[in-house]
Amino acid sequence: MTERTINFLRDTVDLLILKALTWEPRHGYAISEWLQAVTGGTLLVEEGTLYPALHRLEAKGLLRAEWGLSENNRRAKYYALTRAGRRRLEQETSAWRRHADAVAATLAAEGPGT
């Protein structure tokens, strides 16, 4: 896998995590469950990808974290968007939509001149 591919995948996971935290703080497992549910199981973000991404986003100041109790009454780290995280989400969402529209248009082409 090239560095460019790795960065693309990393940035995509980061965007999905930021979106998952739009409405309320969530712990890691709840973020993973939400992503799986909203994509009908198509996108699975496993622990080995999720937690390094959460720590990276927190280090960049895009998330803040605090400890709390989960639904199972277990200690869990809850992540929330910061103001910078919300701005980044807006910027990256616009860029992603332009990219997705370009890919969709390319795939919809029915010939060399369209």
C-alpha atoms as a PDB file:
ATOM      1  CA  MET A   1       0.000   0.000   0.000  1.00  0.00           C
ATOM      2  CA  THR A   2       1.389   3.399  -0.922  1.00  0.00           C
ATOM      3  CA  GLU A   3       1.758   6.295   1.488  1.00  0.00           C
ATOM      4  CA  ARG A   4      -0.889   8.177  -0.492  1.00  0.00           C
ATOM      5  CA  THR A   5      -3.369   5.301  -0.081  1.00  0.00           C
ATOM      6  CA  ILE A   6      -2.623   5.044   3.630  1.00  0.00           C
ATOM      7  CA  ASN A   7      -3.189   8.791   4.090  1.00  0.00           C
ATOM      8  CA  PHE A   8      -6.444   8.626   2.120  1.00  0.00           C
ATOM      9  CA  LEU A   9      -7.737   5.773   4.284  1.00  0.00           C
ATOM     10  CA  ARG A  10      -6.579   7.468   7.499  1.00  0.00           C
ATOM     11  CA  ASP A  11      -8.246  10.740   6.523  1.00  0.00           C
ATOM     12  CA  THR A  12     -11.453   8.897   5.643  1.00  0.00           C
ATOM     13  CA  VAL A  13     -11.560   7.145   9.023  1.00  0.00           C
ATOM     14  CA  ASP A  14     -10.905  10.472  10.741  1.00  0.00           C
ATOM     15  CA  LEU A  15     -13.815  12.064   8.868  1.00  0.00           C
ATOM     16  CA  LEU A  16     -16.160   9.219   9.808  1.00  0.00           C
ATOM     17  CA  ILE A  17     -15.184   9.514  13.470  1.00  0.00           C
ATOM     18  CA  LEU A  18     -15.746  13.262  13.474  1.00  0.00           C
ATOM     19  CA  LYS A  19     -19.182  12.721  11.927  1.00  0.00           C
ATOM     20  CA  ALA A  20     -20.055  10.067  14.533  1.00  0.00           C
ATOM     21  CA  LEU A  21     -19.471  12.665  17.248  1.00  0.00           C
ATOM     22  CA  THR A  22     -21.619  15.375  15.672  1.00  0.00           C
ATOM     23  CA  TRP A  23     -24.570  14.924  18.022  1.00  0.00           C
ATOM     24  CA  GLU A  24     -23.105  13.794  21.321  1.00  0.00           C
ATOM     25  CA  PRO A  25     -19.979  12.459  23.001  1.00  0.00           C
ATOM     26  CA  ARG A  26     -19.445   8.722  22.507  1.00  0.00           C
ATOM     27  CA  HIS A  27     -16.975   6.123  23.667  1.00  0.00           C
ATOM     28  CA  GLY A  28     -14.960   4.151  21.134  1.00  0.00           C
ATOM     29  CA  TYR A  29     -17.188   1.098  21.007  1.00  0.00           C
ATOM     30  CA  ALA A  30     -20.285   3.287  20.486  1.00  0.00           C
ATOM     31  CA  ILE A  31     -18.532   5.065  17.599  1.00  0.00           C
ATOM     32  CA  SER A  32     -17.750   1.708  15.998  1.00  0.00           C
ATOM     33  CA  GLU A  33     -21.332   0.494  16.497  1.00  0.00           C
ATOM     34  CA  TRP A  34     -22.783   3.685  15.010  1.00  0.00           C
ATOM     35  CA  LEU A  35     -20.576   3.438  11.914  1.00  0.00           C
ATOM     36  CA  GLN A  36     -21.545  -0.191  11.420  1.00  0.00           C
ATOM     37  CA  ALA A  37     -25.250   0.571  11.870  1.00  0.00           C
ATOM     38  CA  VAL A  38     -25.388   3.639   9.634  1.00  0.00           C
ATOM     39  CA  THR A  39     -23.546   1.832   6.817  1.00  0.00           C
ATOM     40  CA  GLY A  40     -25.556  -1.363   7.100  1.00  0.00           C
ATOM     41  CA  GLY A  41     -22.428  -3.247   8.109  1.00  0.00           C
ATOM     42  CA  THR A  42     -20.479  -2.177   5.024  1.00  0.00           C
ATOM     43  CA  LEU A  43     -17.894  -0.194   6.987  1.00  0.00           C
ATOM     44  CA  LEU A  44     -16.298  -1.866   9.971  1.00  0.00           C
ATOM     45  CA  VAL A  45     -13.704   0.137  11.871  1.00  0.00           C
ATOM     46  CA  GLU A  46     -11.869  -2.244  14.144  1.00  0.00           C
ATOM     47  CA  GLU A  47     -10.106  -1.422  17.404  1.00  0.00           C
ATOM     48  CA  GLY A  48      -6.647  -1.425  15.849  1.00  0.00           C
ATOM     49  CA  THR A  49      -7.742   1.389  13.549  1.00  0.00           C
ATOM     50  CA  LEU A  50     -10.264   3.188  15.753  1.00  0.00           C
ATOM     51  CA  TYR A  51      -8.294   3.849  18.925  1.00  0.00           C
ATOM     52  CA  PRO A  52      -5.117   5.142  17.256  1.00  0.00           C
ATOM     53  CA  ALA A  53      -7.351   7.450  15.187  1.00  0.00           C
ATOM     54  CA  LEU A  54      -9.128   8.729  18.317  1.00  0.00           C
ATOM     55  CA  HIS A  55      -5.792   9.415  20.014  1.00  0.00           C
ATOM     56  CA  ARG A  56      -4.456  11.133  16.881  1.00  0.00           C
ATOM     57  CA  LEU A  57      -7.557  13.361  16.617  1.00  0.00           C
ATOM     58  CA  GLU A  58      -7.335  14.207  20.307  1.00  0.00           C
ATOM     59  CA  ALA A  59      -3.637  15.104  19.948  1.00  0.00           C
ATOM     60  CA  LYS A  60      -4.533  17.423  17.041  1.00  0.00           C
ATOM     61  CA  GLY A  61      -7.099  19.208  19.224  1.00  0.00           C
ATOM     62  CA  LEU A  62     -10.049  18.032  17.136  1.00  0.00           C
ATOM     63  CA  LEU A  63     -11.489  15.948  19.980  1.00  0.00           C
ATOM     64  CA  ARG A  64     -11.518  16.214  23.731  1.00  0.00           C
ATOM     65  CA  ALA A  65     -11.921  13.213  25.986  1.00  0.00           C
ATOM     66  CA  GLU A  66     -13.088  12.511  29.499  1.00  0.00           C
ATOM     67  CA  TRP A  67     -13.760   9.394  31.482  1.00  0.00           C
ATOM     68  CA  GLY A  68     -17.304   8.352  32.298  1.00  0.00           C
ATOM     69  CA  LEU A  69     -19.512   5.304  32.727  1.00  0.00           C
ATOM     70  CA  SER A  70     -20.846   3.394  29.750  1.00  0.00           C
ATOM     71  CA  GLU A  71     -24.334   1.967  29.354  1.00  0.00           C
ATOM     72  CA  ASN A  72     -22.986  -1.217  31.000  1.00  0.00           C
ATOM     73  CA  ASN A  73     -21.788   0.782  33.987  1.00  0.00           C
ATOM     74  CA  ARG A  74     -18.153   0.325  32.910  1.00  0.00           C
ATOM     75  CA  ARG A  75     -15.506   2.997  32.881  1.00  0.00           C
ATOM     76  CA  ALA A  76     -15.097   4.353  29.337  1.00  0.00           C
ATOM     77  CA  LYS A  77     -13.379   7.265  27.662  1.00  0.00           C
ATOM     78  CA  TYR A  78     -15.912   9.545  25.960  1.00  0.00           C
ATOM     79  CA  TYR A  79     -14.858  11.656  23.001  1.00  0.00           C
ATOM     80  CA  ALA A  80     -16.467  14.921  21.909  1.00  0.00           C
ATOM     81  CA  LEU A  81     -15.830  17.320  19.047  1.00  0.00           C
ATOM     82  CA  THR A  82     -14.000  20.531  19.789  1.00  0.00           C
ATOM     83  CA  ARG A  83     -14.725  23.730  17.895  1.00  0.00           C
ATOM     84  CA  ALA A  84     -11.700  22.969  15.687  1.00  0.00           C
ATOM     85  CA  GLY A  85     -13.077  19.466  15.138  1.00  0.00           C
ATOM     86  CA  ARG A  86     -16.391  20.854  13.913  1.00  0.00           C
ATOM     87  CA  ARG A  87     -14.587  23.179  11.493  1.00  0.00           C
ATOM     88  CA  ARG A  88     -12.472  20.306  10.202  1.00  0.00           C
ATOM     89  CA  LEU A  89     -15.591  18.159   9.757  1.00  0.00           C
ATOM     90  CA  GLU A  90     -17.233  20.880   7.647  1.00  0.00           C
ATOM     91  CA  GLN A  91     -14.113  21.361   5.493  1.00  0.00           C
ATOM     92  CA  GLU A  92     -13.461  17.670   4.954  1.00  0.00           C
ATOM     93  CA  THR A  93     -17.134  16.914   4.271  1.00  0.00           C
ATOM     94  CA  SER A  94     -17.158  19.467   1.441  1.00  0.00           C
ATOM     95  CA  ALA A  95     -13.935  18.081  -0.020  1.00  0.00           C
ATOM     96  CA  TRP A  96     -15.172  14.491   0.291  1.00  0.00           C
ATOM     97  CA  ARG A  97     -18.468  15.295  -1.452  1.00  0.00           C
ATOM     98  CA  ARG A  98     -16.632  16.932  -4.368  1.00  0.00           C
ATOM     99  CA  HIS A  99     -14.372  13.896  -4.631  1.00  0.00           C
ATOM    100  CA  ALA A 100     -17.284  11.419  -4.408  1.00  0.00           C
ATOM    101  CA  ASP A 101     -19.261  13.372  -7.033  1.00  0.00           C
ATOM    102  CA  ALA A 102     -16.257  13.283  -9.388  1.00  0.00           C
ATOM    103  CA  VAL A 103     -15.841   9.539  -8.930  1.00  0.00           C
ATOM    104  CA  ALA A 104     -19.594   8.973  -9.434  1.00  0.00           C
ATOM    105  CA  ALA A 105     -19.585  11.039 -12.606  1.00  0.00           C
ATOM    106  CA  THR A 106     -16.645   9.046 -13.921  1.00  0.00           C
ATOM    107  CA  LEU A 107     -18.325   5.729 -13.169  1.00  0.00           C
ATOM    108  CA  ALA A 108     -21.562   6.916 -14.783  1.00  0.00           C
ATOM    109  CA  ALA A 109     -19.844   7.799 -18.076  1.00  0.00           C
ATOM    110  CA  GLU A 110     -21.259   5.738 -20.923  1.00  0.00           C
ATOM    111  CA  GLY A 111     -18.548   6.379 -23.464  1.00  0.00           C
ATOM    112  CA  PRO A 112     -15.321   8.196 -24.186  1.00  0.00           C
ATOM    113  CA  GLY A 113     -17.036  11.497 -25.007  1.00  0.00           C
ATOM    114  CA  THR A 114     -19.343  11.771 -21.978  1.00  0.00           C
END
